[in-house]
Amino acid sequence: LQAEVTSNVSFGQINTIIQANCAIPGCHAGNRNPDLRVVANIRDRADRIMARTGARSMPPSGSGITLTDAEIEAIACWVADGAPGN
């Protein structure tokens, strides 16, 4: 018997984190690739976003923006769930 347990972290939660902290002027708001204002770009790069936020290199240290441990964990859970577009 196998069971799959998911985190129930929604894409909406992840998108809110990214729009507030990454898809801003000077970061990924159209002036740098990828443009994280575009949903497909977030989903296509989910693994990289998880790796960079987990390593605390996104957002960059010089930006003055930091993600909380809970935000980083939510991103990791969302990616582990298969980066659903729910």
PDB file of N, CA and C in Angstrom:
ATOM      1  N   LEU A   1       0.837  -1.165   0.000  1.00  0.00           N
ATOM      2  CA  LEU A   1       0.000   0.000   0.000  1.00  0.00           C
ATOM      3  C   LEU A   1       0.887   1.235   0.000  1.00  0.00           C
ATOM      4  N   GLN A   2       0.573   2.171  -0.885  1.00  0.00           N
ATOM      5  CA  GLN A   2       1.340   3.411  -0.958  1.00  0.00           C
ATOM      6  C   GLN A   2       0.399   4.594  -0.799  1.00  0.00           C
ATOM      7  N   ALA A   3       0.903   5.627  -0.223  1.00  0.00           N
ATOM      8  CA  ALA A   3       0.130   6.854  -0.073  1.00  0.00           C
ATOM      9  C   ALA A   3       1.009   8.026  -0.457  1.00  0.00           C
ATOM     10  N   GLU A   4       0.414   8.997  -1.085  1.00  0.00           N
ATOM     11  CA  GLU A   4       1.135  10.206  -1.448  1.00  0.00           C
ATOM     12  C   GLU A   4       0.585  11.359  -0.604  1.00  0.00           C
ATOM     13  N   VAL A   5       1.470  12.001   0.081  1.00  0.00           N
ATOM     14  CA  VAL A   5       1.078  13.123   0.918  1.00  0.00           C
ATOM     15  C   VAL A   5       1.626  14.390   0.279  1.00  0.00           C
ATOM     16  N   THR A   6       0.756  15.346   0.041  1.00  0.00           N
ATOM     17  CA  THR A   6       1.193  16.612  -0.528  1.00  0.00           C
ATOM     18  C   THR A   6       1.063  17.709   0.512  1.00  0.00           C
ATOM     19  N   SER A   7       1.704  18.807   0.232  1.00  0.00           N
ATOM     20  CA  SER A   7       1.743  19.895   1.203  1.00  0.00           C
ATOM     21  C   SER A   7       0.540  20.821   1.125  1.00  0.00           C
ATOM     22  N   ASN A   8      -0.170  20.795   0.021  1.00  0.00           N
ATOM     23  CA  ASN A   8      -1.290  21.700  -0.214  1.00  0.00           C
ATOM     24  C   ASN A   8      -0.871  23.159  -0.338  1.00  0.00           C
ATOM     25  N   VAL A   9       0.406  23.407  -0.637  1.00  0.00           N
ATOM     26  CA  VAL A   9       0.858  24.767  -0.928  1.00  0.00           C
ATOM     27  C   VAL A   9       0.381  25.076  -2.342  1.00  0.00           C
ATOM     28  N   SER A  10      -0.341  26.158  -2.478  1.00  0.00           N
ATOM     29  CA  SER A  10      -0.904  26.495  -3.783  1.00  0.00           C
ATOM     30  C   SER A  10       0.040  27.372  -4.591  1.00  0.00           C
ATOM     31  N   PHE A  11      -0.151  27.359  -5.897  1.00  0.00           N
ATOM     32  CA  PHE A  11       0.631  28.238  -6.745  1.00  0.00           C
ATOM     33  C   PHE A  11       0.364  29.694  -6.375  1.00  0.00           C
ATOM     34  N   GLY A  12      -0.843  29.998  -5.979  1.00  0.00           N
ATOM     35  CA  GLY A  12      -1.168  31.364  -5.578  1.00  0.00           C
ATOM     36  C   GLY A  12      -0.279  31.856  -4.452  1.00  0.00           C
ATOM     37  N   GLN A  13      -0.013  30.982  -3.477  1.00  0.00           N
ATOM     38  CA  GLN A  13       0.878  31.347  -2.374  1.00  0.00           C
ATOM     39  C   GLN A  13       2.292  31.622  -2.875  1.00  0.00           C
ATOM     40  N   ILE A  14       2.762  30.757  -3.755  1.00  0.00           N
ATOM     41  CA  ILE A  14       4.113  30.895  -4.299  1.00  0.00           C
ATOM     42  C   ILE A  14       4.203  32.143  -5.155  1.00  0.00           C
ATOM     43  N   ASN A  15       3.196  32.365  -5.979  1.00  0.00           N
ATOM     44  CA  ASN A  15       3.199  33.542  -6.843  1.00  0.00           C
ATOM     45  C   ASN A  15       3.232  34.820  -6.007  1.00  0.00           C
ATOM     46  N   THR A  16       2.507  34.843  -4.906  1.00  0.00           N
ATOM     47  CA  THR A  16       2.519  36.010  -4.023  1.00  0.00           C
ATOM     48  C   THR A  16       3.925  36.266  -3.482  1.00  0.00           C
ATOM     49  N   ILE A  17       4.601  35.216  -3.052  1.00  0.00           N
ATOM     50  CA  ILE A  17       5.976  35.352  -2.539  1.00  0.00           C
ATOM     51  C   ILE A  17       6.888  35.905  -3.626  1.00  0.00           C
ATOM     52  N   ILE A  18       6.803  35.335  -4.811  1.00  0.00           N
ATOM     53  CA  ILE A  18       7.689  35.743  -5.901  1.00  0.00           C
ATOM     54  C   ILE A  18       7.385  37.149  -6.375  1.00  0.00           C
ATOM     55  N   GLN A  19       6.115  37.490  -6.514  1.00  0.00           N
ATOM     56  CA  GLN A  19       5.768  38.838  -6.981  1.00  0.00           C
ATOM     57  C   GLN A  19       6.222  39.899  -5.990  1.00  0.00           C
ATOM     58  N   ALA A  20       6.168  39.605  -4.696  1.00  0.00           N
ATOM     59  CA  ALA A  20       6.548  40.584  -3.674  1.00  0.00           C
ATOM     60  C   ALA A  20       8.056  40.699  -3.482  1.00  0.00           C
ATOM     61  N   ASN A  21       8.797  39.648  -3.831  1.00  0.00           N
ATOM     62  CA  ASN A  21      10.213  39.619  -3.494  1.00  0.00           C
ATOM     63  C   ASN A  21      11.178  39.448  -4.667  1.00  0.00           C
ATOM     64  N   CYS A  22      10.692  38.938  -5.781  1.00  0.00           N
ATOM     65  CA  CYS A  22      11.595  38.629  -6.891  1.00  0.00           C
ATOM     66  C   CYS A  22      11.203  39.349  -8.179  1.00  0.00           C
ATOM     67  N   ALA A  23       9.930  39.436  -8.467  1.00  0.00           N
ATOM     68  CA  ALA A  23       9.461  40.056  -9.714  1.00  0.00           C
ATOM     69  C   ALA A  23       9.274  41.552  -9.498  1.00  0.00           C
ATOM     70  N   ILE A  24      10.345  42.175  -9.080  1.00  0.00           N
ATOM     71  CA  ILE A  24      10.305  43.599  -8.751  1.00  0.00           C
ATOM     72  C   ILE A  24      11.369  44.329  -9.571  1.00  0.00           C
ATOM     73  N   PRO A  25      11.251  45.640  -9.722  1.00  0.00           N
ATOM     74  CA  PRO A  25      12.271  46.382 -10.461  1.00  0.00           C
ATOM     75  C   PRO A  25      13.670  46.093  -9.913  1.00  0.00           C
ATOM     76  N   GLY A  26      14.605  45.846 -10.805  1.00  0.00           N
ATOM     77  CA  GLY A  26      15.967  45.529 -10.414  1.00  0.00           C
ATOM     78  C   GLY A  26      16.223  44.040 -10.296  1.00  0.00           C
ATOM     79  N   CYS A  27      15.158  43.259 -10.259  1.00  0.00           N
ATOM     80  CA  CYS A  27      15.333  41.799 -10.197  1.00  0.00           C
ATOM     81  C   CYS A  27      14.723  41.172 -11.445  1.00  0.00           C
ATOM     82  N   HIS A  28      13.640  40.464 -11.312  1.00  0.00           N
ATOM     83  CA  HIS A  28      13.049  39.722 -12.428  1.00  0.00           C
ATOM     84  C   HIS A  28      11.737  40.340 -12.881  1.00  0.00           C
ATOM     85  N   ALA A  29      11.754  41.627 -13.144  1.00  0.00           N
ATOM     86  CA  ALA A  29      10.537  42.333 -13.563  1.00  0.00           C
ATOM     87  C   ALA A  29      10.659  42.828 -14.993  1.00  0.00           C
ATOM     88  N   GLY A  30      11.152  41.980 -15.874  1.00  0.00           N
ATOM     89  CA  GLY A  30      11.229  42.324 -17.282  1.00  0.00           C
ATOM     90  C   GLY A  30      12.577  42.836 -17.723  1.00  0.00           C
ATOM     91  N   ASN A  31      13.423  43.242 -16.776  1.00  0.00           N
ATOM     92  CA  ASN A  31      14.734  43.744 -17.149  1.00  0.00           C
ATOM     93  C   ASN A  31      15.831  42.702 -16.949  1.00  0.00           C
ATOM     94  N   ARG A  32      15.444  41.507 -16.547  1.00  0.00           N
ATOM     95  CA  ARG A  32      16.381  40.414 -16.323  1.00  0.00           C
ATOM     96  C   ARG A  32      15.656  39.113 -16.658  1.00  0.00           C
ATOM     97  N   ASN A  33      16.389  38.179 -17.217  1.00  0.00           N
ATOM     98  CA  ASN A  33      15.810  36.900 -17.604  1.00  0.00           C
ATOM     99  C   ASN A  33      15.955  35.920 -16.443  1.00  0.00           C
ATOM    100  N   PRO A  34      14.929  35.185 -16.088  1.00  0.00           N
ATOM    101  CA  PRO A  34      13.576  35.168 -16.637  1.00  0.00           C
ATOM    102  C   PRO A  34      12.708  36.251 -16.003  1.00  0.00           C
ATOM    103  N   ASP A  35      11.692  36.619 -16.708  1.00  0.00           N
ATOM    104  CA  ASP A  35      10.707  37.580 -16.207  1.00  0.00           C
ATOM    105  C   ASP A  35       9.748  36.800 -15.308  1.00  0.00           C
ATOM    106  N   LEU A  36       9.876  36.976 -14.010  1.00  0.00           N
ATOM    107  CA  LEU A  36       9.066  36.210 -13.069  1.00  0.00           C
ATOM    108  C   LEU A  36       7.685  36.807 -12.835  1.00  0.00           C
ATOM    109  N   ARG A  37       7.315  37.779 -13.657  1.00  0.00           N
ATOM    110  CA  ARG A  37       5.934  38.255 -13.637  1.00  0.00           C
ATOM    111  C   ARG A  37       5.069  37.330 -14.481  1.00  0.00           C
ATOM    112  N   VAL A  38       5.704  36.437 -15.249  1.00  0.00           N
ATOM    113  CA  VAL A  38       5.023  35.518 -16.157  1.00  0.00           C
ATOM    114  C   VAL A  38       4.902  34.149 -15.489  1.00  0.00           C
ATOM    115  N   VAL A  39       3.676  33.689 -15.317  1.00  0.00           N
ATOM    116  CA  VAL A  39       3.404  32.424 -14.621  1.00  0.00           C
ATOM    117  C   VAL A  39       4.193  31.266 -15.219  1.00  0.00           C
ATOM    118  N   ALA A  40       4.214  31.141 -16.529  1.00  0.00           N
ATOM    119  CA  ALA A  40       4.920  30.023 -17.170  1.00  0.00           C
ATOM    120  C   ALA A  40       6.405  30.033 -16.820  1.00  0.00           C
ATOM    121  N   ASN A  41       6.992  31.203 -16.679  1.00  0.00           N
ATOM    122  CA  ASN A  41       8.411  31.279 -16.328  1.00  0.00           C
ATOM    123  C   ASN A  41       8.663  30.774 -14.917  1.00  0.00           C
ATOM    124  N   ILE A  42       7.740  31.021 -14.021  1.00  0.00           N
ATOM    125  CA  ILE A  42       7.881  30.530 -12.648  1.00  0.00           C
ATOM    126  C   ILE A  42       7.786  29.008 -12.640  1.00  0.00           C
ATOM    127  N   ARG A  43       6.771  28.494 -13.282  1.00  0.00           N
ATOM    128  CA  ARG A  43       6.572  27.033 -13.282  1.00  0.00           C
ATOM    129  C   ARG A  43       7.696  26.321 -14.022  1.00  0.00           C
ATOM    130  N   ASP A  44       8.172  26.896 -15.138  1.00  0.00           N
ATOM    131  CA  ASP A  44       9.249  26.278 -15.911  1.00  0.00           C
ATOM    132  C   ASP A  44      10.567  26.249 -15.149  1.00  0.00           C
ATOM    133  N   ARG A  45      10.734  27.159 -14.221  1.00  0.00           N
ATOM    134  CA  ARG A  45      11.997  27.283 -13.489  1.00  0.00           C
ATOM    135  C   ARG A  45      11.845  26.936 -12.005  1.00  0.00           C
ATOM    136  N   ALA A  46      10.851  26.156 -11.683  1.00  0.00           N
ATOM    137  CA  ALA A  46      10.555  25.829 -10.288  1.00  0.00           C
ATOM    138  C   ALA A  46      11.752  25.224  -9.566  1.00  0.00           C
ATOM    139  N   ASP A  47      12.438  24.276 -10.193  1.00  0.00           N
ATOM    140  CA  ASP A  47      13.578  23.636  -9.532  1.00  0.00           C
ATOM    141  C   ASP A  47      14.685  24.643  -9.239  1.00  0.00           C
ATOM    142  N   ARG A  48      14.950  25.513 -10.200  1.00  0.00           N
ATOM    143  CA  ARG A  48      16.002  26.521 -10.010  1.00  0.00           C
ATOM    144  C   ARG A  48      15.594  27.528  -8.930  1.00  0.00           C
ATOM    145  N   ILE A  49      14.343  27.923  -8.937  1.00  0.00           N
ATOM    146  CA  ILE A  49      13.858  28.843  -7.899  1.00  0.00           C
ATOM    147  C   ILE A  49      14.019  28.203  -6.524  1.00  0.00           C
ATOM    148  N   MET A  50      13.668  26.930  -6.405  1.00  0.00           N
ATOM    149  CA  MET A  50      13.816  26.234  -5.124  1.00  0.00           C
ATOM    150  C   MET A  50      15.282  26.183  -4.708  1.00  0.00           C
ATOM    151  N   ALA A  51      16.165  25.852  -5.638  1.00  0.00           N
ATOM    152  CA  ALA A  51      17.592  25.756  -5.314  1.00  0.00           C
ATOM    153  C   ALA A  51      18.153  27.105  -4.880  1.00  0.00           C
ATOM    154  N   ARG A  52      17.800  28.155  -5.592  1.00  0.00           N
ATOM    155  CA  ARG A  52      18.354  29.484  -5.282  1.00  0.00           C
ATOM    156  C   ARG A  52      17.762  30.064  -4.001  1.00  0.00           C
ATOM    157  N   THR A  53      16.469  29.857  -3.765  1.00  0.00           N
ATOM    158  CA  THR A  53      15.902  30.371  -2.516  1.00  0.00           C
ATOM    159  C   THR A  53      16.416  29.554  -1.337  1.00  0.00           C
ATOM    160  N   GLY A  54      16.551  28.245  -1.515  1.00  0.00           N
ATOM    161  CA  GLY A  54      17.073  27.392  -0.450  1.00  0.00           C
ATOM    162  C   GLY A  54      18.507  27.731  -0.079  1.00  0.00           C
ATOM    163  N   ALA A  55      19.289  28.154  -1.072  1.00  0.00           N
ATOM    164  CA  ALA A  55      20.676  28.556  -0.834  1.00  0.00           C
ATOM    165  C   ALA A  55      20.768  30.018  -0.381  1.00  0.00           C
ATOM    166  N   ARG A  56      19.615  30.678  -0.330  1.00  0.00           N
ATOM    167  CA  ARG A  56      19.505  32.091   0.049  1.00  0.00           C
ATOM    168  C   ARG A  56      20.275  33.011  -0.898  1.00  0.00           C
ATOM    169  N   SER A  57      20.365  32.606  -2.168  1.00  0.00           N
ATOM    170  CA  SER A  57      20.980  33.471  -3.173  1.00  0.00           C
ATOM    171  C   SER A  57      19.915  34.163  -4.026  1.00  0.00           C
ATOM    172  N   MET A  58      18.660  33.890  -3.732  1.00  0.00           N
ATOM    173  CA  MET A  58      17.538  34.561  -4.382  1.00  0.00           C
ATOM    174  C   MET A  58      16.510  34.845  -3.310  1.00  0.00           C
ATOM    175  N   PRO A  59      16.142  36.091  -3.115  1.00  0.00           N
ATOM    176  CA  PRO A  59      16.683  37.307  -3.714  1.00  0.00           C
ATOM    177  C   PRO A  59      18.141  37.516  -3.286  1.00  0.00           C
ATOM    178  N   PRO A  60      18.913  38.223  -4.132  1.00  0.00           N
ATOM    179  CA  PRO A  60      20.325  38.410  -3.819  1.00  0.00           C
ATOM    180  C   PRO A  60      20.532  39.192  -2.517  1.00  0.00           C
ATOM    181  N   SER A  61      21.619  38.893  -1.846  1.00  0.00           N
ATOM    182  CA  SER A  61      21.871  39.503  -0.537  1.00  0.00           C
ATOM    183  C   SER A  61      21.954  41.023  -0.604  1.00  0.00           C
ATOM    184  N   GLY A  62      22.404  41.583  -1.691  1.00  0.00           N
ATOM    185  CA  GLY A  62      22.521  43.026  -1.811  1.00  0.00           C
ATOM    186  C   GLY A  62      21.204  43.740  -2.071  1.00  0.00           C
ATOM    187  N   SER A  63      20.124  42.982  -2.241  1.00  0.00           N
ATOM    188  CA  SER A  63      18.837  43.589  -2.577  1.00  0.00           C
ATOM    189  C   SER A  63      18.129  44.182  -1.362  1.00  0.00           C
ATOM    190  N   GLY A  64      18.539  43.760  -0.181  1.00  0.00           N
ATOM    191  CA  GLY A  64      17.857  44.211   1.018  1.00  0.00           C
ATOM    192  C   GLY A  64      16.572  43.443   1.297  1.00  0.00           C
ATOM    193  N   ILE A  65      16.286  42.450   0.482  1.00  0.00           N
ATOM    194  CA  ILE A  65      15.081  41.629   0.630  1.00  0.00           C
ATOM    195  C   ILE A  65      15.508  40.232   1.056  1.00  0.00           C
ATOM    196  N   THR A  66      14.828  39.676   2.033  1.00  0.00           N
ATOM    197  CA  THR A  66      15.090  38.296   2.428  1.00  0.00           C
ATOM    198  C   THR A  66      13.767  37.552   2.540  1.00  0.00           C
ATOM    199  N   LEU A  67      13.818  36.285   2.244  1.00  0.00           N
ATOM    200  CA  LEU A  67      12.649  35.431   2.421  1.00  0.00           C
ATOM    201  C   LEU A  67      12.700  34.824   3.817  1.00  0.00           C
ATOM    202  N   THR A  68      11.548  34.620   4.388  1.00  0.00           N
ATOM    203  CA  THR A  68      11.488  33.953   5.685  1.00  0.00           C
ATOM    204  C   THR A  68      11.728  32.456   5.485  1.00  0.00           C
ATOM    205  N   ASP A  69      12.048  31.782   6.567  1.00  0.00           N
ATOM    206  CA  ASP A  69      12.199  30.328   6.488  1.00  0.00           C
ATOM    207  C   ASP A  69      10.900  29.686   6.011  1.00  0.00           C
ATOM    208  N   ALA A  70       9.766  30.211   6.449  1.00  0.00           N
ATOM    209  CA  ALA A  70       8.468  29.662   6.041  1.00  0.00           C
ATOM    210  C   ALA A  70       8.242  29.843   4.544  1.00  0.00           C
ATOM    211  N   GLU A  71       8.652  30.971   3.982  1.00  0.00           N
ATOM    212  CA  GLU A  71       8.501  31.181   2.540  1.00  0.00           C
ATOM    213  C   GLU A  71       9.391  30.228   1.751  1.00  0.00           C
ATOM    214  N   ILE A  72      10.617  30.047   2.214  1.00  0.00           N
ATOM    215  CA  ILE A  72      11.538  29.119   1.551  1.00  0.00           C
ATOM    216  C   ILE A  72      10.995  27.700   1.627  1.00  0.00           C
ATOM    217  N   GLU A  73      10.467  27.323   2.770  1.00  0.00           N
ATOM    218  CA  GLU A  73       9.893  25.988   2.943  1.00  0.00           C
ATOM    219  C   GLU A  73       8.666  25.802   2.054  1.00  0.00           C
ATOM    220  N   ALA A  74       7.840  26.819   1.924  1.00  0.00           N
ATOM    221  CA  ALA A  74       6.659  26.733   1.057  1.00  0.00           C
ATOM    222  C   ALA A  74       7.071  26.506  -0.388  1.00  0.00           C
ATOM    223  N   ILE A  75       8.096  27.216  -0.841  1.00  0.00           N
ATOM    224  CA  ILE A  75       8.581  27.027  -2.213  1.00  0.00           C
ATOM    225  C   ILE A  75       9.078  25.604  -2.387  1.00  0.00           C
ATOM    226  N   ALA A  76       9.848  25.102  -1.441  1.00  0.00           N
ATOM    227  CA  ALA A  76      10.377  23.734  -1.527  1.00  0.00           C
ATOM    228  C   ALA A  76       9.245  22.712  -1.551  1.00  0.00           C
ATOM    229  N   CYS A  77       8.230  22.903  -0.728  1.00  0.00           N
ATOM    230  CA  CYS A  77       7.097  21.973  -0.702  1.00  0.00           C
ATOM    231  C   CYS A  77       6.339  22.011  -2.024  1.00  0.00           C
ATOM    232  N   TRP A  78       6.123  23.204  -2.545  1.00  0.00           N
ATOM    233  CA  TRP A  78       5.412  23.351  -3.820  1.00  0.00           C
ATOM    234  C   TRP A  78       6.158  22.630  -4.936  1.00  0.00           C
ATOM    235  N   VAL A  79       7.468  22.782  -4.984  1.00  0.00           N
ATOM    236  CA  VAL A  79       8.262  22.101  -6.006  1.00  0.00           C
ATOM    237  C   VAL A  79       8.225  20.587  -5.791  1.00  0.00           C
ATOM    238  N   ALA A  80       8.348  20.138  -4.531  1.00  0.00           N
ATOM    239  CA  ALA A  80       8.277  18.711  -4.228  1.00  0.00           C
ATOM    240  C   ALA A  80       6.942  18.110  -4.626  1.00  0.00           C
ATOM    241  N   ASP A  81       5.888  18.924  -4.596  1.00  0.00           N
ATOM    242  CA  ASP A  81       4.553  18.482  -5.010  1.00  0.00           C
ATOM    243  C   ASP A  81       4.409  18.451  -6.532  1.00  0.00           C
ATOM    244  N   GLY A  82       5.463  18.844  -7.250  1.00  0.00           N
ATOM    245  CA  GLY A  82       5.398  18.837  -8.717  1.00  0.00           C
ATOM    246  C   GLY A  82       5.103  20.203  -9.312  1.00  0.00           C
ATOM    247  N   ALA A  83       5.223  21.262  -8.510  1.00  0.00           N
ATOM    248  CA  ALA A  83       4.977  22.637  -8.953  1.00  0.00           C
ATOM    249  C   ALA A  83       3.614  22.772  -9.633  1.00  0.00           C
ATOM    250  N   PRO A  84       2.565  22.375  -8.915  1.00  0.00           N
ATOM    251  CA  PRO A  84       1.236  22.434  -9.529  1.00  0.00           C
ATOM    252  C   PRO A  84       0.781  23.865  -9.766  1.00  0.00           C
ATOM    253  N   GLY A  85      -0.057  24.037 -10.744  1.00  0.00           N
ATOM    254  CA  GLY A  85      -0.586  25.351 -11.079  1.00  0.00           C
ATOM    255  C   GLY A  85      -1.914  25.611 -10.416  1.00  0.00           C
ATOM    256  N   ASN A  86      -2.184  24.956  -9.291  1.00  0.00           N
ATOM    257  CA  ASN A  86      -3.468  25.042  -8.594  1.00  0.00           C
ATOM    258  C   ASN A  86      -3.791  26.416  -8.085  1.00  0.00           C
TER     259      ASN A  86
END
